[in-house]
PDB file of N, CA and C in Angstrom:
ATOM      1  N   MET A   1      44.214  13.969 -28.320  1.00  0.00           N
ATOM      2  CA  MET A   1      43.844  15.217 -28.937  1.00  0.00           C
ATOM      3  C   MET A   1      44.399  16.377 -28.113  1.00  0.00           C
ATOM      4  N   THR A   2      45.002  17.332 -28.767  1.00  0.00           N
ATOM      5  CA  THR A   2      45.568  18.497 -28.107  1.00  0.00           C
ATOM      6  C   THR A   2      44.537  19.616 -28.036  1.00  0.00           C
ATOM      7  N   ALA A   3      44.403  20.212 -26.866  1.00  0.00           N
ATOM      8  CA  ALA A   3      43.480  21.339 -26.689  1.00  0.00           C
ATOM      9  C   ALA A   3      44.238  22.645 -26.852  1.00  0.00           C
ATOM     10  N   ILE A   4      43.610  23.599 -27.484  1.00  0.00           N
ATOM     11  CA  ILE A   4      44.144  24.954 -27.558  1.00  0.00           C
ATOM     12  C   ILE A   4      43.320  25.783 -26.586  1.00  0.00           C
ATOM     13  N   VAL A   5      43.993  26.348 -25.598  1.00  0.00           N
ATOM     14  CA  VAL A   5      43.314  27.030 -24.507  1.00  0.00           C
ATOM     15  C   VAL A   5      43.367  28.539 -24.718  1.00  0.00           C
ATOM     16  N   GLY A   6      42.233  29.200 -24.470  1.00  0.00           N
ATOM     17  CA  GLY A   6      42.162  30.654 -24.558  1.00  0.00           C
ATOM     18  C   GLY A   6      41.610  31.236 -23.274  1.00  0.00           C
ATOM     19  N   TYR A   7      41.919  32.505 -23.034  1.00  0.00           N
ATOM     20  CA  TYR A   7      41.485  33.189 -21.815  1.00  0.00           C
ATOM     21  C   TYR A   7      40.965  34.569 -22.184  1.00  0.00           C
ATOM     22  N   ALA A   8      39.715  34.843 -21.861  1.00  0.00           N
ATOM     23  CA  ALA A   8      39.103  36.146 -22.119  1.00  0.00           C
ATOM     24  C   ALA A   8      38.786  36.806 -20.790  1.00  0.00           C
ATOM     25  N   ARG A   9      39.117  38.102 -20.691  1.00  0.00           N
ATOM     26  CA  ARG A   9      38.882  38.802 -19.427  1.00  0.00           C
ATOM     27  C   ARG A   9      38.594  40.273 -19.681  1.00  0.00           C
ATOM     28  N   THR A  10      37.655  40.806 -18.922  1.00  0.00           N
ATOM     29  CA  THR A  10      37.447  42.246 -18.857  1.00  0.00           C
ATOM     30  C   THR A  10      37.440  42.639 -17.391  1.00  0.00           C
ATOM     31  N   SER A  11      37.765  43.889 -17.136  1.00  0.00           N
ATOM     32  CA  SER A  11      37.860  44.337 -15.748  1.00  0.00           C
ATOM     33  C   SER A  11      36.548  44.887 -15.209  1.00  0.00           C
ATOM     34  N   THR A  12      35.543  45.027 -16.079  1.00  0.00           N
ATOM     35  CA  THR A  12      34.223  45.447 -15.610  1.00  0.00           C
ATOM     36  C   THR A  12      33.160  44.662 -16.354  1.00  0.00           C
ATOM     37  N   LEU A  13      31.986  44.564 -15.763  1.00  0.00           N
ATOM     38  CA  LEU A  13      30.875  43.873 -16.413  1.00  0.00           C
ATOM     39  C   LEU A  13      30.307  44.687 -17.564  1.00  0.00           C
ATOM     40  N   GLU A  14      30.588  45.995 -17.595  1.00  0.00           N
ATOM     41  CA  GLU A  14      30.062  46.861 -18.644  1.00  0.00           C
ATOM     42  C   GLU A  14      30.785  46.687 -19.982  1.00  0.00           C
ATOM     43  N   GLN A  15      31.915  46.031 -20.006  1.00  0.00           N
ATOM     44  CA  GLN A  15      32.707  45.876 -21.222  1.00  0.00           C
ATOM     45  C   GLN A  15      32.259  44.657 -22.022  1.00  0.00           C
ATOM     46  N   VAL A  16      30.973  44.596 -22.322  1.00  0.00           N
ATOM     47  CA  VAL A  16      30.394  43.432 -22.991  1.00  0.00           C
ATOM     48  C   VAL A  16      30.928  43.286 -24.410  1.00  0.00           C
ATOM     49  N   ALA A  17      30.969  44.383 -25.177  1.00  0.00           N
ATOM     50  CA  ALA A  17      31.414  44.307 -26.571  1.00  0.00           C
ATOM     51  C   ALA A  17      32.852  43.806 -26.662  1.00  0.00           C
ATOM     52  N   GLY A  18      33.722  44.299 -25.801  1.00  0.00           N
ATOM     53  CA  GLY A  18      35.113  43.857 -25.807  1.00  0.00           C
ATOM     54  C   GLY A  18      35.257  42.405 -25.414  1.00  0.00           C
ATOM     55  N   PHE A  19      34.441  41.986 -24.468  1.00  0.00           N
ATOM     56  CA  PHE A  19      34.476  40.603 -24.011  1.00  0.00           C
ATOM     57  C   PHE A  19      34.019  39.662 -25.122  1.00  0.00           C
ATOM     58  N   GLU A  20      32.917  40.011 -25.776  1.00  0.00           N
ATOM     59  CA  GLU A  20      32.411  39.186 -26.874  1.00  0.00           C
ATOM     60  C   GLU A  20      33.398  39.151 -28.035  1.00  0.00           C
ATOM     61  N   ALA A  21      34.073  40.258 -28.296  1.00  0.00           N
ATOM     62  CA  ALA A  21      35.082  40.296 -29.357  1.00  0.00           C
ATOM     63  C   ALA A  21      36.242  39.358 -29.023  1.00  0.00           C
ATOM     64  N   GLN A  22      36.657  39.338 -27.770  1.00  0.00           N
ATOM     65  CA  GLN A  22      37.730  38.428 -27.363  1.00  0.00           C
ATOM     66  C   GLN A  22      37.324  36.979 -27.595  1.00  0.00           C
ATOM     67  N   LEU A  23      36.096  36.646 -27.216  1.00  0.00           N
ATOM     68  CA  LEU A  23      35.622  35.272 -27.398  1.00  0.00           C
ATOM     69  C   LEU A  23      35.587  34.892 -28.876  1.00  0.00           C
ATOM     70  N   ARG A  24      35.127  35.810 -29.729  1.00  0.00           N
ATOM     71  CA  ARG A  24      35.098  35.542 -31.179  1.00  0.00           C
ATOM     72  C   ARG A  24      36.505  35.320 -31.719  1.00  0.00           C
ATOM     73  N   GLU A  25      37.446  36.172 -31.316  1.00  0.00           N
ATOM     74  CA  GLU A  25      38.830  36.051 -31.792  1.00  0.00           C
ATOM     75  C   GLU A  25      39.468  34.738 -31.330  1.00  0.00           C
ATOM     76  N   LEU A  26      39.226  34.361 -30.093  1.00  0.00           N
ATOM     77  CA  LEU A  26      39.794  33.112 -29.581  1.00  0.00           C
ATOM     78  C   LEU A  26      39.211  31.902 -30.301  1.00  0.00           C
ATOM     79  N   THR A  27      37.910  31.938 -30.560  1.00  0.00           N
ATOM     80  CA  THR A  27      37.268  30.852 -31.294  1.00  0.00           C
ATOM     81  C   THR A  27      37.802  30.791 -32.720  1.00  0.00           C
ATOM     82  N   ALA A  28      37.950  31.949 -33.361  1.00  0.00           N
ATOM     83  CA  ALA A  28      38.481  32.001 -34.729  1.00  0.00           C
ATOM     84  C   ALA A  28      39.923  31.507 -34.786  1.00  0.00           C
ATOM     85  N   ALA A  29      40.663  31.685 -33.694  1.00  0.00           N
ATOM     86  CA  ALA A  29      42.053  31.229 -33.644  1.00  0.00           C
ATOM     87  C   ALA A  29      42.155  29.729 -33.402  1.00  0.00           C
ATOM     88  N   GLY A  30      41.011  29.077 -33.162  1.00  0.00           N
ATOM     89  CA  GLY A  30      41.017  27.632 -33.002  1.00  0.00           C
ATOM     90  C   GLY A  30      41.028  27.140 -31.571  1.00  0.00           C
ATOM     91  N   CYS A  31      40.767  28.023 -30.626  1.00  0.00           N
ATOM     92  CA  CYS A  31      40.735  27.595 -29.224  1.00  0.00           C
ATOM     93  C   CYS A  31      39.592  26.607 -29.017  1.00  0.00           C
ATOM     94  N   THR A  32      39.907  25.515 -28.356  1.00  0.00           N
ATOM     95  CA  THR A  32      38.902  24.492 -28.089  1.00  0.00           C
ATOM     96  C   THR A  32      38.454  24.496 -26.630  1.00  0.00           C
ATOM     97  N   LYS A  33      39.186  25.190 -25.778  1.00  0.00           N
ATOM     98  CA  LYS A  33      38.831  25.330 -24.362  1.00  0.00           C
ATOM     99  C   LYS A  33      38.977  26.800 -24.003  1.00  0.00           C
ATOM    100  N   LEU A  34      37.878  27.430 -23.560  1.00  0.00           N
ATOM    101  CA  LEU A  34      37.904  28.850 -23.228  1.00  0.00           C
ATOM    102  C   LEU A  34      37.645  29.062 -21.744  1.00  0.00           C
ATOM    103  N   PHE A  35      38.466  29.894 -21.138  1.00  0.00           N
ATOM    104  CA  PHE A  35      38.246  30.336 -19.771  1.00  0.00           C
ATOM    105  C   PHE A  35      37.808  31.788 -19.848  1.00  0.00           C
ATOM    106  N   GLN A  36      36.781  32.138 -19.070  1.00  0.00           N
ATOM    107  CA  GLN A  36      36.210  33.474 -19.128  1.00  0.00           C
ATOM    108  C   GLN A  36      36.159  34.083 -17.737  1.00  0.00           C
ATOM    109  N   GLU A  37      36.432  35.391 -17.689  1.00  0.00           N
ATOM    110  CA  GLU A  37      36.380  36.082 -16.403  1.00  0.00           C
ATOM    111  C   GLU A  37      35.947  37.525 -16.635  1.00  0.00           C
ATOM    112  N   GLN A  38      34.931  37.939 -15.925  1.00  0.00           N
ATOM    113  CA  GLN A  38      34.485  39.329 -15.940  1.00  0.00           C
ATOM    114  C   GLN A  38      34.389  39.777 -14.497  1.00  0.00           C
ATOM    115  N   VAL A  39      35.395  40.484 -14.044  1.00  0.00           N
ATOM    116  CA  VAL A  39      35.429  40.936 -12.658  1.00  0.00           C
ATOM    117  C   VAL A  39      35.954  42.357 -12.594  1.00  0.00           C
ATOM    118  N   SER A  40      35.658  43.001 -11.509  1.00  0.00           N
ATOM    119  CA  SER A  40      36.169  44.341 -11.281  1.00  0.00           C
ATOM    120  C   SER A  40      37.373  44.240 -10.364  1.00  0.00           C
ATOM    121  N   SER A  41      38.384  45.029 -10.654  1.00  0.00           N
ATOM    122  CA  SER A  41      39.569  45.041  -9.805  1.00  0.00           C
ATOM    123  C   SER A  41      39.456  46.096  -8.710  1.00  0.00           C
ATOM    124  N   VAL A  42      38.328  46.792  -8.660  1.00  0.00           N
ATOM    125  CA  VAL A  42      38.108  47.834  -7.660  1.00  0.00           C
ATOM    126  C   VAL A  42      37.596  47.196  -6.375  1.00  0.00           C
ATOM    127  N   VAL A  43      38.210  47.540  -5.283  1.00  0.00           N
ATOM    128  CA  VAL A  43      37.775  47.054  -3.978  1.00  0.00           C
ATOM    129  C   VAL A  43      36.693  48.003  -3.474  1.00  0.00           C
ATOM    130  N   THR A  44      35.517  47.471  -3.192  1.00  0.00           N
ATOM    131  CA  THR A  44      34.411  48.331  -2.761  1.00  0.00           C
ATOM    132  C   THR A  44      34.383  48.548  -1.255  1.00  0.00           C
ATOM    133  N   ALA A  45      34.912  47.634  -0.496  1.00  0.00           N
ATOM    134  CA  ALA A  45      34.940  47.786   0.959  1.00  0.00           C
ATOM    135  C   ALA A  45      36.339  47.436   1.449  1.00  0.00           C
ATOM    136  N   ARG A  46      36.854  48.275   2.287  1.00  0.00           N
ATOM    137  CA  ARG A  46      38.195  48.027   2.814  1.00  0.00           C
ATOM    138  C   ARG A  46      38.102  47.657   4.292  1.00  0.00           C
ATOM    139  N   LEU A  47      38.971  46.763   4.680  1.00  0.00           N
ATOM    140  CA  LEU A  47      39.050  46.379   6.089  1.00  0.00           C
ATOM    141  C   LEU A  47      39.813  47.454   6.848  1.00  0.00           C
ATOM    142  N   PRO A  48      39.501  47.647   8.118  1.00  0.00           N
ATOM    143  CA  PRO A  48      40.274  48.616   8.902  1.00  0.00           C
ATOM    144  C   PRO A  48      41.707  48.116   9.065  1.00  0.00           C
ATOM    145  N   PRO A  49      42.660  49.038   9.214  1.00  0.00           N
ATOM    146  CA  PRO A  49      44.056  48.603   9.392  1.00  0.00           C
ATOM    147  C   PRO A  49      44.211  47.814  10.686  1.00  0.00           C
ATOM    148  N   PRO A  50      45.182  46.899  10.715  1.00  0.00           N
ATOM    149  CA  PRO A  50      45.395  46.107  11.936  1.00  0.00           C
ATOM    150  C   PRO A  50      45.798  47.008  13.102  1.00  0.00           C
ATOM    151  N   ALA A  51      45.381  46.627  14.290  1.00  0.00           N
ATOM    152  CA  ALA A  51      45.681  47.429  15.494  1.00  0.00           C
ATOM    153  C   ALA A  51      47.107  47.235  15.937  1.00  0.00           C
TER     154      ALA A  51
END
């Protein structure tokens, strides 16, 4: 059996509606394996520069 793989991602946790819409579209397209990621690309703490 061949799997159709889909990937849904948002860059913030607040983008719930967009994330759910992606999942619906991927399911409607026939995806049988879904990968999901909700992460922020913003770095909250920076390391000091090397000495």
